Amino acid sequence: MFEKVKMLLFQSRSGSPRDPWLEPDVCDVLRGLGGQPAVVAPIGFICDHVEVLYDLDVEAARVARQSDVTMERAATVGEHPRFIEMIAALIRERLSARSGSIREQADG
């Protein structure tokens, strides 16, 4: 049975293009897994876009295949109805709090 290991990996840099890439790099880790399966979850992204699609679905998937690693990528939240409802609820909450604050200032 495979040992379950959780690791925080990176697929890109953060900040200026002059900054070094964040490490450990997802492809480097996939190469070193020795055939163990991997689940990759792009936690820094709420939707699929070119960086996720290329870096993980193309490049990391290719490295995984070459390294005999079975890799699955978890979906981003994207347009999931529960995610959209959470965002809407947070907006309503903030608008309600702001509206109450404005009323207090007007009454004061």
C-alpha atoms as a PDB file:
ATOM      1  CA  MET A   1       0.000   0.000   0.000  1.00  0.00           C
ATOM      2  CA  PHE A   2       1.204   3.514  -0.774  1.00  0.00           C
ATOM      3  CA  GLU A   3       2.072   5.909   2.012  1.00  0.00           C
ATOM      4  CA  LYS A   4      -0.201   8.974   1.959  1.00  0.00           C
ATOM      5  CA  VAL A   5       1.903  12.115   1.865  1.00  0.00           C
ATOM      6  CA  LYS A   6       0.529  15.631   1.635  1.00  0.00           C
ATOM      7  CA  MET A   7       2.800  18.245   0.135  1.00  0.00           C
ATOM      8  CA  LEU A   8       2.401  21.854  -0.846  1.00  0.00           C
ATOM      9  CA  LEU A   9       3.859  22.243  -4.333  1.00  0.00           C
ATOM     10  CA  PHE A  10       4.000  25.131  -6.738  1.00  0.00           C
ATOM     11  CA  GLN A  11       3.399  25.449 -10.451  1.00  0.00           C
ATOM     12  CA  SER A  12       4.619  29.015 -10.905  1.00  0.00           C
ATOM     13  CA  ARG A  13       6.252  32.050  -9.401  1.00  0.00           C
ATOM     14  CA  SER A  14       4.527  34.726  -7.408  1.00  0.00           C
ATOM     15  CA  GLY A  15       5.248  38.345  -8.150  1.00  0.00           C
ATOM     16  CA  SER A  16       7.694  39.856 -10.585  1.00  0.00           C
ATOM     17  CA  PRO A  17       9.015  37.828 -13.535  1.00  0.00           C
ATOM     18  CA  ARG A  18      12.469  38.512 -12.082  1.00  0.00           C
ATOM     19  CA  ASP A  19      11.532  36.581  -8.912  1.00  0.00           C
ATOM     20  CA  PRO A  20      12.547  32.917  -8.812  1.00  0.00           C
ATOM     21  CA  TRP A  21       9.878  30.258  -9.156  1.00  0.00           C
ATOM     22  CA  LEU A  22       8.394  28.972  -5.925  1.00  0.00           C
ATOM     23  CA  GLU A  23       9.553  25.538  -4.843  1.00  0.00           C
ATOM     24  CA  PRO A  24       9.156  22.653  -4.693  1.00  0.00           C
ATOM     25  CA  ASP A  25       8.029  22.561  -8.310  1.00  0.00           C
ATOM     26  CA  VAL A  26       5.166  20.181  -9.074  1.00  0.00           C
ATOM     27  CA  CYS A  27       7.009  18.570 -12.007  1.00  0.00           C
ATOM     28  CA  ASP A  28      10.156  17.981  -9.949  1.00  0.00           C
ATOM     29  CA  VAL A  29       8.117  16.268  -7.236  1.00  0.00           C
ATOM     30  CA  LEU A  30       6.220  14.129  -9.764  1.00  0.00           C
ATOM     31  CA  ARG A  31       9.543  12.933 -11.171  1.00  0.00           C
ATOM     32  CA  GLY A  32      10.653  11.866  -7.707  1.00  0.00           C
ATOM     33  CA  LEU A  33       7.525   9.963  -6.664  1.00  0.00           C
ATOM     34  CA  GLY A  34       8.840   6.626  -7.842  1.00  0.00           C
ATOM     35  CA  GLY A  35       5.550   5.584  -9.411  1.00  0.00           C
ATOM     36  CA  GLN A  36       3.326   6.542  -6.464  1.00  0.00           C
ATOM     37  CA  PRO A  37      -0.029   8.048  -7.485  1.00  0.00           C
ATOM     38  CA  ALA A  38      -0.631  11.770  -7.041  1.00  0.00           C
ATOM     39  CA  VAL A  39      -3.616  14.069  -6.718  1.00  0.00           C
ATOM     40  CA  VAL A  40      -2.869  17.642  -7.724  1.00  0.00           C
ATOM     41  CA  ALA A  41      -5.224  20.374  -6.488  1.00  0.00           C
ATOM     42  CA  PRO A  42      -4.707  23.924  -7.781  1.00  0.00           C
ATOM     43  CA  ILE A  43      -5.660  25.589  -4.483  1.00  0.00           C
ATOM     44  CA  GLY A  44      -4.399  29.009  -5.536  1.00  0.00           C
ATOM     45  CA  PHE A  45      -6.878  29.265  -8.408  1.00  0.00           C
ATOM     46  CA  ILE A  46     -10.671  29.454  -8.328  1.00  0.00           C
ATOM     47  CA  CYS A  47     -11.149  28.686 -12.015  1.00  0.00           C
ATOM     48  CA  ASP A  48      -9.431  26.872 -14.832  1.00  0.00           C
ATOM     49  CA  HIS A  49      -7.476  29.178 -17.092  1.00  0.00           C
ATOM     50  CA  VAL A  50      -4.450  28.872 -19.320  1.00  0.00           C
ATOM     51  CA  GLU A  51      -1.948  28.571 -16.459  1.00  0.00           C
ATOM     52  CA  VAL A  52      -3.827  25.716 -14.780  1.00  0.00           C
ATOM     53  CA  LEU A  53      -4.744  24.042 -18.044  1.00  0.00           C
ATOM     54  CA  TYR A  54      -1.220  24.126 -19.472  1.00  0.00           C
ATOM     55  CA  ASP A  55       0.941  23.790 -16.356  1.00  0.00           C
ATOM     56  CA  LEU A  56      -1.049  20.950 -14.821  1.00  0.00           C
ATOM     57  CA  ASP A  57      -3.145  19.313 -17.532  1.00  0.00           C
ATOM     58  CA  VAL A  58      -0.414  19.360 -20.176  1.00  0.00           C
ATOM     59  CA  GLU A  59       3.046  19.770 -18.662  1.00  0.00           C
ATOM     60  CA  ALA A  60       2.601  18.060 -15.262  1.00  0.00           C
ATOM     61  CA  ALA A  61       0.489  15.298 -16.827  1.00  0.00           C
ATOM     62  CA  ARG A  62       3.265  14.638 -19.375  1.00  0.00           C
ATOM     63  CA  VAL A  63       5.891  14.475 -16.614  1.00  0.00           C
ATOM     64  CA  ALA A  64       3.650  12.139 -14.593  1.00  0.00           C
ATOM     65  CA  ARG A  65       3.226   9.779 -17.578  1.00  0.00           C
ATOM     66  CA  GLN A  66       6.981   9.790 -18.238  1.00  0.00           C
ATOM     67  CA  SER A  67       7.578   9.027 -14.541  1.00  0.00           C
ATOM     68  CA  ASP A  68       4.980   6.219 -14.358  1.00  0.00           C
ATOM     69  CA  VAL A  69       2.919   8.294 -11.918  1.00  0.00           C
ATOM     70  CA  THR A  70      -0.862   8.103 -12.052  1.00  0.00           C
ATOM     71  CA  MET A  71      -1.884  11.732 -11.614  1.00  0.00           C
ATOM     72  CA  GLU A  72      -5.373  13.092 -11.119  1.00  0.00           C
ATOM     73  CA  ARG A  73      -6.105  16.805 -10.998  1.00  0.00           C
ATOM     74  CA  ALA A  74      -8.797  18.057  -8.670  1.00  0.00           C
ATOM     75  CA  ALA A  75     -11.230  20.467 -10.247  1.00  0.00           C
ATOM     76  CA  THR A  76     -11.264  24.160  -9.418  1.00  0.00           C
ATOM     77  CA  VAL A  77     -14.478  25.549  -7.958  1.00  0.00           C
ATOM     78  CA  GLY A  78     -15.145  27.544 -11.124  1.00  0.00           C
ATOM     79  CA  GLU A  79     -18.878  27.993 -11.633  1.00  0.00           C
ATOM     80  CA  HIS A  80     -20.018  25.455  -9.032  1.00  0.00           C
ATOM     81  CA  PRO A  81     -23.425  26.620  -7.714  1.00  0.00           C
ATOM     82  CA  ARG A  82     -22.385  26.328  -4.047  1.00  0.00           C
ATOM     83  CA  PHE A  83     -19.311  28.488  -4.666  1.00  0.00           C
ATOM     84  CA  ILE A  84     -21.385  31.118  -6.497  1.00  0.00           C
ATOM     85  CA  GLU A  85     -23.945  31.125  -3.660  1.00  0.00           C
ATOM     86  CA  MET A  86     -21.163  31.564  -1.087  1.00  0.00           C
ATOM     87  CA  ILE A  87     -19.794  34.569  -2.981  1.00  0.00           C
ATOM     88  CA  ALA A  88     -23.310  36.040  -3.278  1.00  0.00           C
ATOM     89  CA  ALA A  89     -23.919  35.519   0.460  1.00  0.00           C
ATOM     90  CA  LEU A  90     -20.646  37.268   1.325  1.00  0.00           C
ATOM     91  CA  ILE A  91     -21.559  40.210  -0.913  1.00  0.00           C
ATOM     92  CA  ARG A  92     -25.027  40.476   0.657  1.00  0.00           C
ATOM     93  CA  GLU A  93     -23.462  40.305   4.130  1.00  0.00           C
ATOM     94  CA  ARG A  94     -20.964  43.075   3.343  1.00  0.00           C
ATOM     95  CA  LEU A  95     -23.602  45.282   1.709  1.00  0.00           C
ATOM     96  CA  SER A  96     -25.918  44.815   4.679  1.00  0.00           C
ATOM     97  CA  ALA A  97     -23.154  45.700   7.160  1.00  0.00           C
ATOM     98  CA  ARG A  98     -22.171  48.727   5.092  1.00  0.00           C
ATOM     99  CA  SER A  99     -25.770  49.876   4.819  1.00  0.00           C
ATOM    100  CA  GLY A 100     -26.181  49.641   8.606  1.00  0.00           C
ATOM    101  CA  SER A 101     -22.977  51.608   9.122  1.00  0.00           C
ATOM    102  CA  ILE A 102     -24.163  54.348   6.770  1.00  0.00           C
ATOM    103  CA  ARG A 103     -27.539  54.547   8.622  1.00  0.00           C
ATOM    104  CA  GLU A 104     -25.726  54.838  11.976  1.00  0.00           C
ATOM    105  CA  GLN A 105     -23.594  57.682  10.644  1.00  0.00           C
ATOM    106  CA  ALA A 106     -26.676  59.492   9.300  1.00  0.00           C
ATOM    107  CA  ASP A 107     -28.568  59.061  12.592  1.00  0.00           C
ATOM    108  CA  GLY A 108     -25.555  60.088  14.740  1.00  0.00           C
END
